[in-house]
Amino acid sequence: MSAGHPTLLGLDFSCAPTRRKPLTLAQGVRAGHAVKLLGLEALPSLDEWAARLRPAGMAAAGWHHGLVMGCDFPFGLPRPFVQALAVHGPGEAFARLREAQALVAECDRLIDALHAHCGDRAGFQRLIDGWGQTWHTDRPAGGKLLHRATDRAVPGLSSTSPLQTRYVPVGKMYFEGMKRLVDADVSLPGLRTGRADAIALEAYPGLLAGEILGRRSYKSETDATPERLIARLDLIDALEQGRTRLGLRLKLTPAQRDHLAADPKGDRLDAVLCLMQAAWAQAQHEAGATRWGLSPAMDPVEGWILTA
């Protein structure tokens, strides 16, 4: 890695990783329009990932010039839900959401209040399930799984609501991931100012994959098919040739290419897609974008997905 350049990272996330289903971390470096994949790593626990975010963990990993990381989980919740918590939320923990605290970022107060009240992922699920039933009982009728502005910012594509705690438990990913970023004092552009050597941004592999493949499926937890393998190979080809609106080319060795294609669950490829989005953000920042390419209309409690 060139002296002085931060390490680029892409994180495929899980709220409950195991050795069989670990977090996948892609590491790379950008030179101009080329992004070189340096390696892929499996992290079997949230604690192991959290330790990497702190200065000692970064030094042990060799990230001596800082990190810029794209993370595949939401960095915020829909504003109407947060407003409901501030006004009607059960328990004393949510009173802090009503307080004007200029020195404490809104995203910090929110995640701290959620952990203080809920305790764990199951408690967070109960909080969402109880909205309109056990608290805010006069809530207007309608679906609970609200979306943020960024979730539907790209025509034809929509990311899962961060209030979804079943099936694809995106809400639980927010609950676990955001807390660890805040506790490590990582800077989240547009949301909070923390350590200058650790920058994290919300990424979404589906945006970049959808641009290339449309609605073709390239991964499955249970159903590995020849069609999905071909889709993964097509996706890798497009990334290597720079056929995306990011204006970046992925540099792989033949062994790395085979390793990405051979993963039917798509975790490795998703981590690389997040890496490419982080590289785009780094390029935007170097060109003078103070928010690393994020929308100037970003709500500081909802967040924004890179490239949306």
Protein backbone atom coordinates (compact mmCIF):
# COMPACT_ATOMS: atom_id res chain seq x y z
CA MET A 1 0.00 0.00 0.00
CA SER A 2 1.32 3.43 -0.89
CA ALA A 3 2.61 5.47 2.04
CA GLY A 4 -0.02 7.71 3.53
CA HIS A 5 -3.00 6.09 1.80
CA PRO A 6 -5.76 4.77 4.07
CA THR A 7 -6.78 1.15 3.78
CA LEU A 8 -10.04 0.61 1.91
CA LEU A 9 -12.43 -1.93 3.39
CA GLY A 10 -15.73 -3.48 2.37
CA LEU A 11 -17.78 -5.29 5.01
CA ASP A 12 -20.46 -7.90 4.37
CA PHE A 13 -22.28 -7.82 7.70
CA SER A 14 -24.34 -10.12 9.89
CA CYS A 15 -25.97 -9.26 13.21
CA ALA A 16 -25.06 -12.71 14.58
CA PRO A 17 -21.93 -14.03 12.84
CA THR A 18 -20.55 -17.50 13.45
CA ARG A 19 -17.63 -19.51 12.11
CA ARG A 20 -19.99 -21.04 9.55
CA LYS A 21 -21.46 -17.63 8.61
CA PRO A 22 -18.79 -15.05 9.47
CA LEU A 23 -18.49 -11.39 8.64
CA THR A 24 -16.55 -10.98 5.41
CA LEU A 25 -14.06 -8.14 5.13
CA ALA A 26 -12.52 -7.15 1.79
CA GLN A 27 -9.33 -5.08 1.90
CA GLY A 28 -7.97 -3.03 -0.98
CA VAL A 29 -6.24 0.10 -2.17
CA ARG A 30 -7.08 2.57 -4.92
CA ALA A 31 -4.65 4.16 -7.36
CA GLY A 32 -6.43 6.53 -9.72
CA HIS A 33 -9.31 4.63 -11.29
CA ALA A 34 -8.02 1.19 -10.31
CA VAL A 35 -8.95 -0.63 -7.09
CA LYS A 36 -6.70 -3.55 -6.18
CA LEU A 37 -8.15 -6.27 -3.98
CA LEU A 38 -5.52 -7.10 -1.36
CA GLY A 39 -7.42 -9.86 0.38
CA LEU A 40 -10.55 -11.24 1.99
CA GLU A 41 -10.91 -12.13 5.64
CA ALA A 42 -13.56 -13.98 7.64
CA LEU A 43 -14.36 -12.57 11.09
CA PRO A 44 -16.41 -15.01 13.20
CA SER A 45 -17.65 -12.54 15.83
CA LEU A 46 -18.84 -8.96 16.25
CA ASP A 47 -16.28 -8.47 19.01
CA GLU A 48 -13.44 -9.33 16.65
CA TRP A 49 -14.68 -6.75 14.14
CA ALA A 50 -15.20 -4.16 16.89
CA ALA A 51 -11.64 -4.67 18.10
CA ARG A 52 -10.34 -3.91 14.60
CA LEU A 53 -12.04 -0.51 14.69
CA ARG A 54 -9.99 0.73 17.64
CA PRO A 55 -6.48 2.19 17.27
CA ALA A 56 -4.73 -0.88 18.68
CA GLY A 57 -6.69 -3.20 16.39
CA MET A 58 -5.98 -1.05 13.36
CA ALA A 59 -2.27 -1.06 14.16
CA ALA A 60 -2.26 -4.86 14.59
CA ALA A 61 -3.97 -5.21 11.21
CA GLY A 62 -1.37 -2.99 9.55
CA TRP A 63 -3.80 -0.16 8.82
CA HIS A 64 -1.25 2.47 9.81
CA HIS A 65 -2.70 5.27 7.69
CA GLY A 66 -6.31 4.88 8.71
CA LEU A 67 -9.31 3.18 7.12
CA VAL A 68 -12.24 4.02 4.88
CA MET A 69 -14.87 1.31 5.17
CA GLY A 70 -18.12 0.63 3.34
CA CYS A 71 -20.50 -1.31 5.60
CA ASP A 72 -23.48 -3.32 4.39
CA PHE A 73 -25.94 -2.28 7.09
CA PRO A 74 -28.08 0.82 7.67
CA PHE A 75 -26.63 3.70 9.66
CA GLY A 76 -30.02 5.16 10.60
CA LEU A 77 -33.74 4.65 11.10
CA PRO A 78 -36.75 6.33 9.45
CA ARG A 79 -37.34 9.81 10.89
CA PRO A 80 -41.06 9.20 11.69
CA PHE A 81 -40.15 6.20 13.87
CA VAL A 82 -37.49 8.18 15.73
CA GLN A 83 -39.92 11.05 16.26
CA ALA A 84 -42.47 8.59 17.64
CA LEU A 85 -39.85 7.28 20.07
CA ALA A 86 -39.01 10.82 21.21
CA VAL A 87 -42.64 11.72 21.91
CA HIS A 88 -44.26 8.40 22.81
CA GLY A 89 -41.41 5.98 23.44
CA PRO A 90 -41.73 3.64 26.44
CA GLY A 91 -39.33 4.07 29.32
CA GLU A 92 -37.05 6.89 30.39
CA ALA A 93 -34.25 6.10 27.94
CA PHE A 94 -35.99 7.88 25.07
CA ALA A 95 -36.27 11.16 26.96
CA ARG A 96 -32.74 11.91 25.77
CA LEU A 97 -34.08 12.08 22.21
CA ARG A 98 -36.14 15.14 23.20
CA GLU A 99 -33.16 16.96 24.67
CA ALA A 100 -31.17 19.49 22.66
CA GLN A 101 -27.57 18.31 22.98
CA ALA A 102 -25.47 20.12 20.44
CA LEU A 103 -22.32 18.29 21.54
CA VAL A 104 -23.78 14.79 21.10
CA ALA A 105 -24.73 13.63 17.61
CA GLU A 106 -28.34 12.61 17.11
CA CYS A 107 -27.30 9.19 15.85
CA ASP A 108 -25.30 8.63 19.06
CA ARG A 109 -28.24 9.54 21.29
CA LEU A 110 -30.54 7.26 19.30
CA ILE A 111 -28.40 4.12 19.38
CA ASP A 112 -27.50 4.67 23.04
CA ALA A 113 -31.18 5.08 23.97
CA LEU A 114 -32.12 1.95 22.03
CA HIS A 115 -29.47 -0.14 23.77
CA ALA A 116 -30.35 1.29 27.18
CA HIS A 117 -34.03 0.42 26.72
CA CYS A 118 -33.91 -2.75 24.62
CA GLY A 119 -30.79 -4.44 25.94
CA ASP A 120 -30.42 -6.82 23.02
CA ARG A 121 -31.66 -7.60 19.50
CA ALA A 122 -34.74 -9.39 20.77
CA GLY A 123 -35.69 -6.33 22.81
CA PHE A 124 -35.29 -4.13 19.74
CA GLN A 125 -37.61 -6.44 17.80
CA ARG A 126 -40.18 -6.23 20.60
CA LEU A 127 -39.95 -2.43 20.54
CA ILE A 128 -40.76 -2.31 16.83
CA ASP A 129 -43.49 -4.96 17.15
CA GLY A 130 -45.07 -2.98 19.97
CA TRP A 131 -45.30 0.29 18.04
CA GLY A 132 -49.01 1.11 17.90
CA GLN A 133 -49.89 -1.75 20.26
CA THR A 134 -48.07 -1.37 23.58
CA TRP A 135 -46.78 2.17 22.99
CA HIS A 136 -47.98 5.05 20.80
CA THR A 137 -51.32 3.24 20.73
CA ASP A 138 -52.98 6.07 18.82
CA ARG A 139 -50.53 5.69 15.96
CA PRO A 140 -52.23 6.23 12.57
CA ALA A 141 -53.07 3.03 10.74
CA GLY A 142 -50.57 1.78 8.20
CA GLY A 143 -47.52 -0.40 7.77
CA LYS A 144 -44.69 -0.23 10.29
CA LEU A 145 -41.84 -1.15 7.99
CA LEU A 146 -41.11 2.40 6.90
CA HIS A 147 -38.32 3.29 4.51
CA ARG A 148 -35.82 6.13 4.64
CA ALA A 149 -35.45 8.57 1.77
CA THR A 150 -32.23 6.87 0.71
CA ASP A 151 -33.80 3.39 0.58
CA ARG A 152 -35.78 4.39 -2.51
CA ALA A 153 -33.51 7.04 -3.98
CA VAL A 154 -32.58 4.93 -7.01
CA PRO A 155 -35.51 4.36 -9.42
CA GLY A 156 -36.39 0.70 -9.74
CA LEU A 157 -34.41 -0.37 -6.66
CA SER A 158 -35.37 -0.43 -2.99
CA SER A 159 -33.39 -1.57 0.01
CA THR A 160 -35.09 -3.34 2.91
CA SER A 161 -36.63 -1.20 5.65
CA PRO A 162 -34.27 -0.79 8.62
CA LEU A 163 -37.28 -1.62 10.82
CA GLN A 164 -37.38 -5.16 9.38
CA THR A 165 -36.20 -7.59 12.08
CA ARG A 166 -37.27 -10.85 10.43
CA TYR A 167 -36.35 -12.67 7.23
CA VAL A 168 -33.54 -10.27 6.28
CA PRO A 169 -33.07 -8.74 9.76
CA VAL A 170 -31.76 -5.37 8.63
CA GLY A 171 -32.99 -3.67 11.79
CA LYS A 172 -30.94 -6.00 13.97
CA MET A 173 -27.92 -5.30 11.78
CA TYR A 174 -28.36 -1.58 12.49
CA PHE A 175 -28.75 -2.30 16.23
CA GLU A 176 -25.49 -4.28 16.44
CA GLY A 177 -23.38 -2.52 13.84
CA MET A 178 -24.12 1.11 14.63
CA LYS A 179 -23.45 0.65 18.35
CA ARG A 180 -19.97 -0.68 17.67
CA LEU A 181 -19.11 2.14 15.25
CA VAL A 182 -20.19 4.74 17.80
CA ASP A 183 -18.43 3.02 20.71
CA ALA A 184 -15.18 3.00 18.69
CA ASP A 185 -15.67 6.72 17.89
CA VAL A 186 -15.56 6.08 14.15
CA SER A 187 -16.39 9.12 11.98
CA LEU A 188 -19.60 8.74 9.96
CA PRO A 189 -19.72 11.62 7.44
CA GLY A 190 -22.94 13.59 7.71
CA LEU A 191 -23.88 11.84 10.97
CA ARG A 192 -21.10 12.18 13.52
CA THR A 193 -17.53 13.47 13.77
CA GLY A 194 -15.21 11.03 15.50
CA ARG A 195 -11.64 9.92 14.91
CA ALA A 196 -10.07 11.29 11.76
CA ASP A 197 -8.26 8.00 11.05
CA ALA A 198 -11.42 5.86 10.90
CA ILE A 199 -14.17 6.64 8.38
CA ALA A 200 -17.20 4.41 7.83
CA LEU A 201 -19.96 4.85 5.27
CA GLU A 202 -23.18 2.96 4.59
CA ALA A 203 -22.84 0.80 1.51
CA TYR A 204 -25.36 -1.43 -0.27
CA PRO A 205 -24.11 -4.12 -2.66
CA GLY A 206 -27.54 -4.37 -4.27
CA LEU A 207 -27.18 -0.92 -5.83
CA LEU A 208 -24.03 -1.80 -7.73
CA ALA A 209 -25.10 -5.36 -8.51
CA GLY A 210 -28.48 -4.13 -9.75
CA GLU A 211 -26.83 -1.61 -12.04
CA ILE A 212 -24.91 -4.42 -13.71
CA LEU A 213 -27.27 -7.40 -13.55
CA GLY A 214 -30.70 -5.83 -13.35
CA ARG A 215 -32.96 -8.31 -11.58
CA ARG A 216 -30.77 -11.38 -12.21
CA SER A 217 -29.96 -13.26 -9.01
CA TYR A 218 -26.30 -13.93 -8.27
CA LYS A 219 -26.46 -15.47 -4.80
CA SER A 220 -28.51 -17.72 -2.54
CA GLU A 221 -28.05 -19.13 0.95
CA THR A 222 -29.48 -22.50 -0.11
CA ASP A 223 -29.79 -22.80 -3.90
CA ALA A 224 -26.54 -22.80 -5.88
CA THR A 225 -27.44 -22.84 -9.56
CA PRO A 226 -25.45 -22.56 -12.82
CA GLU A 227 -27.43 -19.43 -13.66
CA ARG A 228 -26.29 -17.70 -10.45
CA LEU A 229 -22.68 -18.71 -11.12
CA ILE A 230 -22.89 -17.14 -14.58
CA ALA A 231 -24.37 -14.01 -13.02
CA ARG A 232 -21.47 -13.79 -10.54
CA LEU A 233 -18.97 -14.16 -13.38
CA ASP A 234 -20.76 -11.44 -15.37
CA LEU A 235 -20.71 -9.18 -12.31
CA ILE A 236 -16.99 -9.74 -11.81
CA ASP A 237 -16.31 -9.08 -15.51
CA ALA A 238 -18.14 -5.76 -15.33
CA LEU A 239 -16.24 -4.70 -12.21
CA GLU A 240 -12.89 -5.60 -13.78
CA GLN A 241 -13.73 -3.73 -16.97
CA GLY A 242 -15.06 -0.67 -15.14
CA ARG A 243 -18.53 -0.92 -16.69
CA THR A 244 -20.31 0.91 -13.85
CA ARG A 245 -21.15 4.51 -13.08
CA LEU A 246 -18.47 4.52 -10.35
CA GLY A 247 -15.76 4.99 -12.96
CA LEU A 248 -13.50 2.46 -11.22
CA ARG A 249 -11.90 -0.82 -12.31
CA LEU A 250 -11.35 -3.76 -9.98
CA LYS A 251 -7.94 -5.47 -10.20
CA LEU A 252 -7.95 -9.17 -9.34
CA THR A 253 -5.57 -12.07 -9.62
CA PRO A 254 -6.93 -15.19 -11.36
CA ALA A 255 -7.07 -16.93 -7.97
CA GLN A 256 -9.05 -14.06 -6.45
CA ARG A 257 -11.46 -14.11 -9.35
CA ASP A 258 -12.10 -17.83 -8.90
CA HIS A 259 -12.48 -17.37 -5.13
CA LEU A 260 -15.18 -14.72 -5.59
CA ALA A 261 -17.08 -16.71 -8.19
CA ALA A 262 -16.95 -19.91 -6.14
CA ASP A 263 -18.98 -18.47 -3.24
CA PRO A 264 -22.66 -19.28 -3.96
CA LYS A 265 -23.85 -17.23 -0.97
CA GLY A 266 -22.23 -14.13 -2.45
CA ASP A 267 -20.69 -12.93 0.82
CA ARG A 268 -17.23 -12.44 -0.69
CA LEU A 269 -18.60 -10.63 -3.70
CA ASP A 270 -20.83 -8.43 -1.53
CA ALA A 271 -17.80 -7.40 0.53
CA VAL A 272 -15.98 -6.46 -2.70
CA LEU A 273 -18.98 -4.45 -3.90
CA CYS A 274 -18.89 -2.52 -0.61
CA LEU A 275 -15.14 -2.05 -1.13
CA MET A 276 -15.78 -0.50 -4.56
CA GLN A 277 -18.33 1.89 -3.09
CA ALA A 278 -15.85 2.89 -0.38
CA ALA A 279 -13.23 3.50 -3.08
CA TRP A 280 -15.68 5.75 -4.94
CA ALA A 281 -16.30 7.72 -1.74
CA GLN A 282 -12.57 8.11 -1.18
CA ALA A 283 -12.18 9.46 -4.71
CA GLN A 284 -15.04 11.90 -4.12
CA HIS A 285 -13.41 13.11 -0.92
CA GLU A 286 -10.06 13.60 -2.61
CA ALA A 287 -11.85 15.67 -5.25
CA GLY A 288 -13.18 17.99 -2.53
CA ALA A 289 -16.52 16.44 -1.50
CA THR A 290 -16.72 17.07 2.24
CA ARG A 291 -19.46 14.46 2.68
CA TRP A 292 -17.62 11.82 0.66
CA GLY A 293 -20.22 11.86 -2.12
CA LEU A 294 -23.25 11.51 0.15
CA SER A 295 -26.37 13.54 -0.62
CA PRO A 296 -26.46 17.08 0.83
CA ALA A 297 -30.12 16.37 1.64
CA MET A 298 -29.16 13.55 4.01
CA ASP A 299 -31.18 13.41 7.24
CA PRO A 300 -28.71 13.13 10.17
CA VAL A 301 -30.80 10.44 11.85
CA GLU A 302 -31.63 8.43 8.70
CA GLY A 303 -28.24 8.41 6.98
CA TRP A 304 -27.58 7.82 3.28
CA ILE A 305 -26.38 4.93 1.13
CA LEU A 306 -23.21 5.54 -0.88
CA THR A 307 -23.88 6.22 -4.59
CA ALA A 308 -27.69 6.40 -4.06
